[in-house]
Amino acid sequence: LTATRATMLGRISRLATIVAIATAAACGNSGDSTTTPPVVLPTTPVGVYTITMVNGKAPPVTVLSDTSGLYKLEVTSGTFTITADGKYSTVMNTRQTIPNNVSVFTDSTGGTWLLSGTSVSFTNSQDGTKDTAVWSNTGSLTFAEVDGTTTTTIIYGLKK
């Protein structure tokens, strides 16, 4: 179970997926003759994001379990911070349940990032691994990790 958990945590720490954060619309009276100012969207993914969805569900979400129901690994929360100096850091909190034991873990990593169109490439400074996310300038990062026939998708939404 430990090797399986470590493999899944490695995959999860390099993931994130698409969630759009709606931009607040300006309010006005029906008699107003003024127009709403244009919304200025960001041109870089710089910001602090939090996990909003894992495989289409809000955390906590089970990402690994055995068929007997005796083992379960859940993503409970996480953040992904992208800074203007080309660096990133990520923290993911998980909960592992085995018979008569529940353990909580916090895993973190960081490195550098590079934007190309809507694709953000991340290079882990600890082990050199690379991952890519789709960035939406409306406030989301989407990571998808394919392992055989299984895809794990994590969506991070920009904190307001």
Foldseek 3Di string as FASTA:
>chain_A
DVVVVVVVVVQVQQWAADDFDDDDFDDDDPPDPDDTDDDDFDPDQAAKWKWQDKPRDGPQDWPDDDPVRQKTKTWHMKMWGAHPVFKIKIKTWMWIGGVPDIDIDIDMWMAGWDDDPQKIWGATPVPRDIFIWGHDSSFKTWTWDDDPPDIMIIIIGGDD
